[in-house]
Amino acid sequence: MKIAALEWSTASRSVALLDDEQCVASADVDEQAVVDEDAWSVLIRLMRDHGWNMAEVDVMAVGRGPGRYTGMRMALAAAQGWAVAGPHCIFTVSSGEALAWEARETFPEASHIAVLGDARRERVWAGLFTRHGEGLQHVDDWTLYTWAELLEKLPPQTYLFTADQHRWPDVIEQVAKVGLVWRDQPCFPKAEWVARLAYRRIVAGLASDPVTPIYMHPAVATPSPA
């Protein structure tokens, strides 16, 4: 199964090509380049360099967040444009869950994994995962918390993975005091793991997530002045 993947839910965007679970190639995408170039340009170049073409792709895997709404929307729109050209399959997964799966394999000592990000408005979005046999169990849906609520909820020795720790210098000491493990480096979901998670779900006969971004805050509308 040939899978092309887009992961644009953070500032560290990426694309990847997988043959089943084997990564053929991957590339980071400069955030400014995504604005200046056609959305497909980096992926198309990667495919051309490795002898692939769009007609051969069986599945387009896309990370749907949580994260930056504009990037998620662009990736999903690009995949939908590809699907219009023929009977192609779009398969979406949570970008945060893809990061959790990578963390599970990278840190075998982590029994509990939390993926989180800055939701602004004095909130943090987070998802909690626990090891379950050879897999991961998503304990609850993606949820908005205050930091106090989140610190109270997470079990001791939970490993925290986020790209936004620089936004919370005042909570690092609190995290250590309650026995949580804070990753020192920013952690971004990768297209390779979005594709890998999509492949595992397809093989297991599971359905794609909805082809819509995971948006943590409800839409806010401002009435026009009379």
C-alpha atoms as a PDB file:
ATOM      1  CA  MET A   1       0.000   0.000   0.000  1.00  0.00           C
ATOM      2  CA  LYS A   2       1.508   3.331  -1.075  1.00  0.00           C
ATOM      3  CA  ILE A   3       0.731   6.158   1.335  1.00  0.00           C
ATOM      4  CA  ALA A   4       1.514   9.859   0.983  1.00  0.00           C
ATOM      5  CA  ALA A   5       1.145  11.874   4.171  1.00  0.00           C
ATOM      6  CA  LEU A   6       0.718  15.522   5.163  1.00  0.00           C
ATOM      7  CA  GLU A   7       1.212  16.785   8.712  1.00  0.00           C
ATOM      8  CA  TRP A   8       0.730  20.548   8.971  1.00  0.00           C
ATOM      9  CA  SER A   9      -0.851  21.007  12.407  1.00  0.00           C
ATOM     10  CA  THR A  10       2.207  22.773  13.890  1.00  0.00           C
ATOM     11  CA  ALA A  11       4.916  25.185  12.772  1.00  0.00           C
ATOM     12  CA  SER A  12       7.108  22.140  12.038  1.00  0.00           C
ATOM     13  CA  ARG A  13       5.267  20.775   8.995  1.00  0.00           C
ATOM     14  CA  SER A  14       6.282  17.628   7.153  1.00  0.00           C
ATOM     15  CA  VAL A  15       5.413  15.261   4.310  1.00  0.00           C
ATOM     16  CA  ALA A  16       6.247  11.571   3.902  1.00  0.00           C
ATOM     17  CA  LEU A  17       5.975   8.584   1.589  1.00  0.00           C
ATOM     18  CA  LEU A  18       5.413   5.116   3.040  1.00  0.00           C
ATOM     19  CA  ASP A  19       5.167   1.678   1.468  1.00  0.00           C
ATOM     20  CA  ASP A  20       2.983  -0.056   4.046  1.00  0.00           C
ATOM     21  CA  GLU A  21       4.816   0.882   7.284  1.00  0.00           C
ATOM     22  CA  GLN A  22       8.195   1.341   5.642  1.00  0.00           C
ATOM     23  CA  CYS A  23       9.160   4.996   5.304  1.00  0.00           C
ATOM     24  CA  VAL A  24      10.458   5.568   1.777  1.00  0.00           C
ATOM     25  CA  ALA A  25      11.175   9.270   2.263  1.00  0.00           C
ATOM     26  CA  SER A  26      10.186  12.232   4.391  1.00  0.00           C
ATOM     27  CA  ALA A  27      10.862  15.955   4.330  1.00  0.00           C
ATOM     28  CA  ASP A  28      10.284  18.932   6.556  1.00  0.00           C
ATOM     29  CA  VAL A  29       8.315  21.799   5.055  1.00  0.00           C
ATOM     30  CA  ASP A  30       9.326  25.363   5.759  1.00  0.00           C
ATOM     31  CA  GLU A  31       6.250  27.153   7.070  1.00  0.00           C
ATOM     32  CA  GLN A  32       6.838  30.203   4.857  1.00  0.00           C
ATOM     33  CA  ALA A  33       7.311  27.972   1.815  1.00  0.00           C
ATOM     34  CA  VAL A  34       3.830  26.561   2.335  1.00  0.00           C
ATOM     35  CA  VAL A  35       2.481  30.085   2.000  1.00  0.00           C
ATOM     36  CA  ASP A  36       4.627  31.003  -0.996  1.00  0.00           C
ATOM     37  CA  GLU A  37       4.390  27.774  -3.007  1.00  0.00           C
ATOM     38  CA  ASP A  38       1.637  25.478  -4.148  1.00  0.00           C
ATOM     39  CA  ALA A  39       0.587  23.175  -1.302  1.00  0.00           C
ATOM     40  CA  TRP A  40       1.719  20.136  -3.255  1.00  0.00           C
ATOM     41  CA  SER A  41       5.149  21.368  -4.292  1.00  0.00           C
ATOM     42  CA  VAL A  42       7.261  19.764  -1.569  1.00  0.00           C
ATOM     43  CA  LEU A  43       5.345  16.480  -1.714  1.00  0.00           C
ATOM     44  CA  ILE A  44       5.478  16.363  -5.518  1.00  0.00           C
ATOM     45  CA  ARG A  45       9.242  16.935  -5.517  1.00  0.00           C
ATOM     46  CA  LEU A  46       9.698  14.191  -2.936  1.00  0.00           C
ATOM     47  CA  MET A  47       7.632  11.779  -5.020  1.00  0.00           C
ATOM     48  CA  ARG A  48       9.509  12.651  -8.209  1.00  0.00           C
ATOM     49  CA  ASP A  49      12.856  12.127  -6.483  1.00  0.00           C
ATOM     50  CA  HIS A  50      11.791   8.601  -5.463  1.00  0.00           C
ATOM     51  CA  GLY A  51      10.069   7.536  -8.658  1.00  0.00           C
ATOM     52  CA  TRP A  52       6.489   7.883  -7.416  1.00  0.00           C
ATOM     53  CA  ASN A  53       3.555   9.563  -9.113  1.00  0.00           C
ATOM     54  CA  MET A  54       0.164  10.582  -7.810  1.00  0.00           C
ATOM     55  CA  ALA A  55      -1.685   7.916  -9.776  1.00  0.00           C
ATOM     56  CA  GLU A  56       0.144   5.217  -7.804  1.00  0.00           C
ATOM     57  CA  VAL A  57      -0.786   6.561  -4.374  1.00  0.00           C
ATOM     58  CA  ASP A  58      -3.390   4.403  -2.645  1.00  0.00           C
ATOM     59  CA  VAL A  59      -4.004   6.566   0.412  1.00  0.00           C
ATOM     60  CA  MET A  60      -3.441  10.188   1.365  1.00  0.00           C
ATOM     61  CA  ALA A  61      -2.989  10.291   5.144  1.00  0.00           C
ATOM     62  CA  VAL A  62      -3.568  13.653   6.814  1.00  0.00           C
ATOM     63  CA  GLY A  63      -3.098  14.807  10.402  1.00  0.00           C
ATOM     64  CA  ARG A  64      -6.182  16.672  11.600  1.00  0.00           C
ATOM     65  CA  GLY A  65      -4.791  18.144  14.813  1.00  0.00           C
ATOM     66  CA  PRO A  66      -5.308  19.511  17.366  1.00  0.00           C
ATOM     67  CA  GLY A  67      -3.049  22.368  16.451  1.00  0.00           C
ATOM     68  CA  ARG A  68      -2.884  25.317  14.087  1.00  0.00           C
ATOM     69  CA  TYR A  69      -6.196  25.562  12.342  1.00  0.00           C
ATOM     70  CA  THR A  70      -4.867  27.167   9.153  1.00  0.00           C
ATOM     71  CA  GLY A  71      -2.276  24.443   8.571  1.00  0.00           C
ATOM     72  CA  MET A  72      -4.754  21.643   9.245  1.00  0.00           C
ATOM     73  CA  ARG A  73      -7.303  23.197   6.901  1.00  0.00           C
ATOM     74  CA  MET A  74      -4.722  23.630   4.120  1.00  0.00           C
ATOM     75  CA  ALA A  75      -3.577  20.005   4.358  1.00  0.00           C
ATOM     76  CA  LEU A  76      -7.121  18.653   4.313  1.00  0.00           C
ATOM     77  CA  ALA A  77      -8.095  20.903   1.394  1.00  0.00           C
ATOM     78  CA  ALA A  78      -5.040  19.747  -0.581  1.00  0.00           C
ATOM     79  CA  ALA A  79      -5.913  16.086   0.022  1.00  0.00           C
ATOM     80  CA  GLN A  80      -9.530  16.670  -0.985  1.00  0.00           C
ATOM     81  CA  GLY A  81      -8.367  18.308  -4.209  1.00  0.00           C
ATOM     82  CA  TRP A  82      -6.298  15.203  -4.994  1.00  0.00           C
ATOM     83  CA  ALA A  83      -9.264  12.928  -4.260  1.00  0.00           C
ATOM     84  CA  VAL A  84     -11.508  14.799  -6.712  1.00  0.00           C
ATOM     85  CA  ALA A  85      -9.334  13.573  -9.602  1.00  0.00           C
ATOM     86  CA  GLY A  86     -10.300   9.936  -9.077  1.00  0.00           C
ATOM     87  CA  PRO A  87     -11.439   7.246  -6.647  1.00  0.00           C
ATOM     88  CA  HIS A  88      -8.670   8.003  -4.171  1.00  0.00           C
ATOM     89  CA  CYS A  89      -8.759   7.421  -0.424  1.00  0.00           C
ATOM     90  CA  ILE A  90      -8.209  10.129   2.197  1.00  0.00           C
ATOM     91  CA  PHE A  91      -7.555   8.776   5.677  1.00  0.00           C
ATOM     92  CA  THR A  92      -7.314  11.200   8.577  1.00  0.00           C
ATOM     93  CA  VAL A  93      -5.968  10.608  12.059  1.00  0.00           C
ATOM     94  CA  SER A  94      -5.290  12.824  15.031  1.00  0.00           C
ATOM     95  CA  SER A  95      -1.877  14.474  14.770  1.00  0.00           C
ATOM     96  CA  GLY A  96      -1.605  14.305  18.555  1.00  0.00           C
ATOM     97  CA  GLU A  97      -2.276  10.582  18.571  1.00  0.00           C
ATOM     98  CA  ALA A  98       0.391  10.070  15.901  1.00  0.00           C
ATOM     99  CA  LEU A  99       2.848  11.873  18.201  1.00  0.00           C
ATOM    100  CA  ALA A 100       1.738   9.686  21.113  1.00  0.00           C
ATOM    101  CA  TRP A 101       2.471   6.530  19.084  1.00  0.00           C
ATOM    102  CA  GLU A 102       5.927   7.788  18.212  1.00  0.00           C
ATOM    103  CA  ALA A 103       6.516   8.612  21.889  1.00  0.00           C
ATOM    104  CA  ARG A 104       5.374   5.119  22.883  1.00  0.00           C
ATOM    105  CA  GLU A 105       8.040   3.503  20.710  1.00  0.00           C
ATOM    106  CA  THR A 106      10.752   6.049  21.519  1.00  0.00           C
ATOM    107  CA  PHE A 107      10.225   5.930  25.294  1.00  0.00           C
ATOM    108  CA  PRO A 108       9.347   2.339  26.254  1.00  0.00           C
ATOM    109  CA  GLU A 109       9.446   3.272  29.939  1.00  0.00           C
ATOM    110  CA  ALA A 110       6.500   5.680  29.528  1.00  0.00           C
ATOM    111  CA  SER A 111       3.290   4.031  30.768  1.00  0.00           C
ATOM    112  CA  HIS A 112       1.298   7.254  30.509  1.00  0.00           C
ATOM    113  CA  ILE A 113       1.715   9.798  27.710  1.00  0.00           C
ATOM    114  CA  ALA A 114       0.106  13.220  27.482  1.00  0.00           C
ATOM    115  CA  VAL A 115       0.186  15.264  24.283  1.00  0.00           C
ATOM    116  CA  LEU A 116      -0.676  18.902  24.838  1.00  0.00           C
ATOM    117  CA  GLY A 117      -0.565  22.334  23.292  1.00  0.00           C
ATOM    118  CA  ASP A 118      -1.321  25.962  23.928  1.00  0.00           C
ATOM    119  CA  ALA A 119      -5.000  26.623  23.257  1.00  0.00           C
ATOM    120  CA  ARG A 120      -4.661  30.325  24.163  1.00  0.00           C
ATOM    121  CA  ARG A 121      -7.409  31.979  26.219  1.00  0.00           C
ATOM    122  CA  GLU A 122      -5.523  30.689  29.322  1.00  0.00           C
ATOM    123  CA  ARG A 123      -6.222  27.081  28.377  1.00  0.00           C
ATOM    124  CA  VAL A 124      -4.230  24.004  27.421  1.00  0.00           C
ATOM    125  CA  TRP A 125      -5.542  21.302  25.085  1.00  0.00           C
ATOM    126  CA  ALA A 126      -4.476  17.786  26.022  1.00  0.00           C
ATOM    127  CA  GLY A 127      -5.038  14.101  25.367  1.00  0.00           C
ATOM    128  CA  LEU A 128      -3.969  11.300  27.712  1.00  0.00           C
ATOM    129  CA  PHE A 129      -2.811   7.886  26.478  1.00  0.00           C
ATOM    130  CA  THR A 130      -1.848   4.720  28.350  1.00  0.00           C
ATOM    131  CA  ARG A 131      -0.025   1.619  27.144  1.00  0.00           C
ATOM    132  CA  HIS A 132      -2.411  -1.196  26.410  1.00  0.00           C
ATOM    133  CA  GLY A 133      -0.734  -4.425  25.351  1.00  0.00           C
ATOM    134  CA  GLU A 134       1.034  -3.710  22.076  1.00  0.00           C
ATOM    135  CA  GLY A 135      -0.877  -0.520  21.528  1.00  0.00           C
ATOM    136  CA  LEU A 136      -2.124   2.699  23.092  1.00  0.00           C
ATOM    137  CA  GLN A 137      -5.449   3.535  24.642  1.00  0.00           C
ATOM    138  CA  HIS A 138      -6.738   7.083  24.310  1.00  0.00           C
ATOM    139  CA  VAL A 139      -8.144   7.625  27.795  1.00  0.00           C
ATOM    140  CA  ASP A 140     -10.472  10.494  26.874  1.00  0.00           C
ATOM    141  CA  ASP A 141     -11.173  12.870  24.031  1.00  0.00           C
ATOM    142  CA  TRP A 142      -9.105  15.978  23.368  1.00  0.00           C
ATOM    143  CA  THR A 143     -10.091  18.407  26.116  1.00  0.00           C
ATOM    144  CA  LEU A 144      -9.422  21.989  27.179  1.00  0.00           C
ATOM    145  CA  TYR A 145      -8.005  22.475  30.680  1.00  0.00           C
ATOM    146  CA  THR A 146      -6.545  25.143  32.891  1.00  0.00           C
ATOM    147  CA  TRP A 147      -3.061  24.151  34.008  1.00  0.00           C
ATOM    148  CA  ALA A 148      -4.385  23.516  37.526  1.00  0.00           C
ATOM    149  CA  GLU A 149      -7.031  21.134  36.159  1.00  0.00           C
ATOM    150  CA  LEU A 150      -4.530  19.299  33.968  1.00  0.00           C
ATOM    151  CA  LEU A 151      -1.924  18.857  36.720  1.00  0.00           C
ATOM    152  CA  GLU A 152      -4.605  17.411  38.974  1.00  0.00           C
ATOM    153  CA  LYS A 153      -5.811  14.983  36.305  1.00  0.00           C
ATOM    154  CA  LEU A 154      -2.535  13.448  35.089  1.00  0.00           C
ATOM    155  CA  PRO A 155      -1.182  10.337  36.863  1.00  0.00           C
ATOM    156  CA  PRO A 156       2.349  10.534  38.346  1.00  0.00           C
ATOM    157  CA  GLN A 157       5.159   9.696  35.905  1.00  0.00           C
ATOM    158  CA  THR A 158       3.123  10.808  32.902  1.00  0.00           C
ATOM    159  CA  TYR A 159       5.430  11.886  30.074  1.00  0.00           C
ATOM    160  CA  LEU A 160       4.449  15.244  28.581  1.00  0.00           C
ATOM    161  CA  PHE A 161       5.004  15.922  24.875  1.00  0.00           C
ATOM    162  CA  THR A 162       4.417  19.362  23.400  1.00  0.00           C
ATOM    163  CA  ALA A 163       5.812  21.903  20.978  1.00  0.00           C
ATOM    164  CA  ASP A 164       4.732  24.775  23.231  1.00  0.00           C
ATOM    165  CA  GLN A 165       6.711  24.430  26.478  1.00  0.00           C
ATOM    166  CA  HIS A 166       8.390  27.779  25.813  1.00  0.00           C
ATOM    167  CA  ARG A 167       4.992  29.377  26.408  1.00  0.00           C
ATOM    168  CA  TRP A 168       4.741  28.079  29.992  1.00  0.00           C
ATOM    169  CA  PRO A 169       7.984  28.828  31.875  1.00  0.00           C
ATOM    170  CA  ASP A 170       6.017  29.387  35.072  1.00  0.00           C
ATOM    171  CA  VAL A 171       4.590  25.830  35.206  1.00  0.00           C
ATOM    172  CA  ILE A 172       7.778  23.796  34.676  1.00  0.00           C
ATOM    173  CA  GLU A 173       8.532  23.698  38.398  1.00  0.00           C
ATOM    174  CA  GLN A 174       4.949  22.707  39.205  1.00  0.00           C
ATOM    175  CA  VAL A 175       5.134  19.845  36.692  1.00  0.00           C
ATOM    176  CA  ALA A 176       8.196  18.401  38.436  1.00  0.00           C
ATOM    177  CA  LYS A 177       6.636  18.754  41.886  1.00  0.00           C
ATOM    178  CA  VAL A 178       3.664  16.533  40.993  1.00  0.00           C
ATOM    179  CA  GLY A 179       5.891  13.825  39.529  1.00  0.00           C
ATOM    180  CA  LEU A 180       5.376  14.402  35.810  1.00  0.00           C
ATOM    181  CA  VAL A 181       8.162  14.011  33.234  1.00  0.00           C
ATOM    182  CA  TRP A 182       8.644  17.054  31.008  1.00  0.00           C
ATOM    183  CA  ARG A 183      10.398  16.557  27.682  1.00  0.00           C
ATOM    184  CA  ASP A 184      13.123  19.188  27.325  1.00  0.00           C
ATOM    185  CA  GLN A 185      12.907  19.538  23.538  1.00  0.00           C
ATOM    186  CA  PRO A 186       9.856  20.622  21.511  1.00  0.00           C
ATOM    187  CA  CYS A 187       7.976  17.586  20.181  1.00  0.00           C
ATOM    188  CA  PHE A 188       6.135  17.837  16.865  1.00  0.00           C
ATOM    189  CA  PRO A 189       3.911  15.268  15.151  1.00  0.00           C
ATOM    190  CA  LYS A 190       5.462  13.919  11.954  1.00  0.00           C
ATOM    191  CA  ALA A 191       3.911  12.928   8.633  1.00  0.00           C
ATOM    192  CA  GLU A 192       5.710   9.575   8.826  1.00  0.00           C
ATOM    193  CA  TRP A 193       3.793   8.668  11.982  1.00  0.00           C
ATOM    194  CA  VAL A 194       0.514  10.026  10.628  1.00  0.00           C
ATOM    195  CA  ALA A 195       0.933   7.591   7.718  1.00  0.00           C
ATOM    196  CA  ARG A 196       1.989   4.730   9.972  1.00  0.00           C
ATOM    197  CA  LEU A 197      -1.029   5.167  12.237  1.00  0.00           C
ATOM    198  CA  ALA A 198      -3.337   5.404   9.200  1.00  0.00           C
ATOM    199  CA  TYR A 199      -1.877   2.189   7.784  1.00  0.00           C
ATOM    200  CA  ARG A 200      -2.366   0.297  11.053  1.00  0.00           C
ATOM    201  CA  ARG A 201      -5.982   1.387  11.247  1.00  0.00           C
ATOM    202  CA  ILE A 202      -6.699   0.493   7.637  1.00  0.00           C
ATOM    203  CA  VAL A 203      -5.204  -2.989   8.112  1.00  0.00           C
ATOM    204  CA  ALA A 204      -7.302  -3.398  11.272  1.00  0.00           C
ATOM    205  CA  GLY A 205     -10.453  -2.502   9.310  1.00  0.00           C
ATOM    206  CA  LEU A 206     -11.030   0.747  11.182  1.00  0.00           C
ATOM    207  CA  ALA A 207     -12.595   3.820   9.632  1.00  0.00           C
ATOM    208  CA  SER A 208     -10.930   7.150   8.992  1.00  0.00           C
ATOM    209  CA  ASP A 209     -11.542  10.056  11.324  1.00  0.00           C
ATOM    210  CA  PRO A 210     -13.741  12.814   9.862  1.00  0.00           C
ATOM    211  CA  VAL A 211     -12.090  14.904   7.130  1.00  0.00           C
ATOM    212  CA  THR A 212     -12.251  18.017   9.297  1.00  0.00           C
ATOM    213  CA  PRO A 213      -9.773  19.702  11.647  1.00  0.00           C
ATOM    214  CA  ILE A 214      -9.972  19.104  15.380  1.00  0.00           C
ATOM    215  CA  TYR A 215     -10.797  22.600  16.555  1.00  0.00           C
ATOM    216  CA  MET A 216     -10.673  22.967  20.330  1.00  0.00           C
ATOM    217  CA  HIS A 217     -12.468  26.277  20.713  1.00  0.00           C
ATOM    218  CA  PRO A 218     -16.000  26.891  19.412  1.00  0.00           C
ATOM    219  CA  ALA A 219     -16.238  29.404  16.595  1.00  0.00           C
ATOM    220  CA  VAL A 220     -16.624  32.982  17.694  1.00  0.00           C
ATOM    221  CA  ALA A 221     -18.679  35.374  15.581  1.00  0.00           C
ATOM    222  CA  THR A 222     -18.612  39.140  16.032  1.00  0.00           C
ATOM    223  CA  PRO A 223     -21.767  40.882  14.858  1.00  0.00           C
ATOM    224  CA  SER A 224     -21.267  43.618  12.262  1.00  0.00           C
ATOM    225  CA  PRO A 225     -22.014  47.120  13.470  1.00  0.00           C
ATOM    226  CA  ALA A 226     -25.487  48.289  12.535  1.00  0.00           C
END
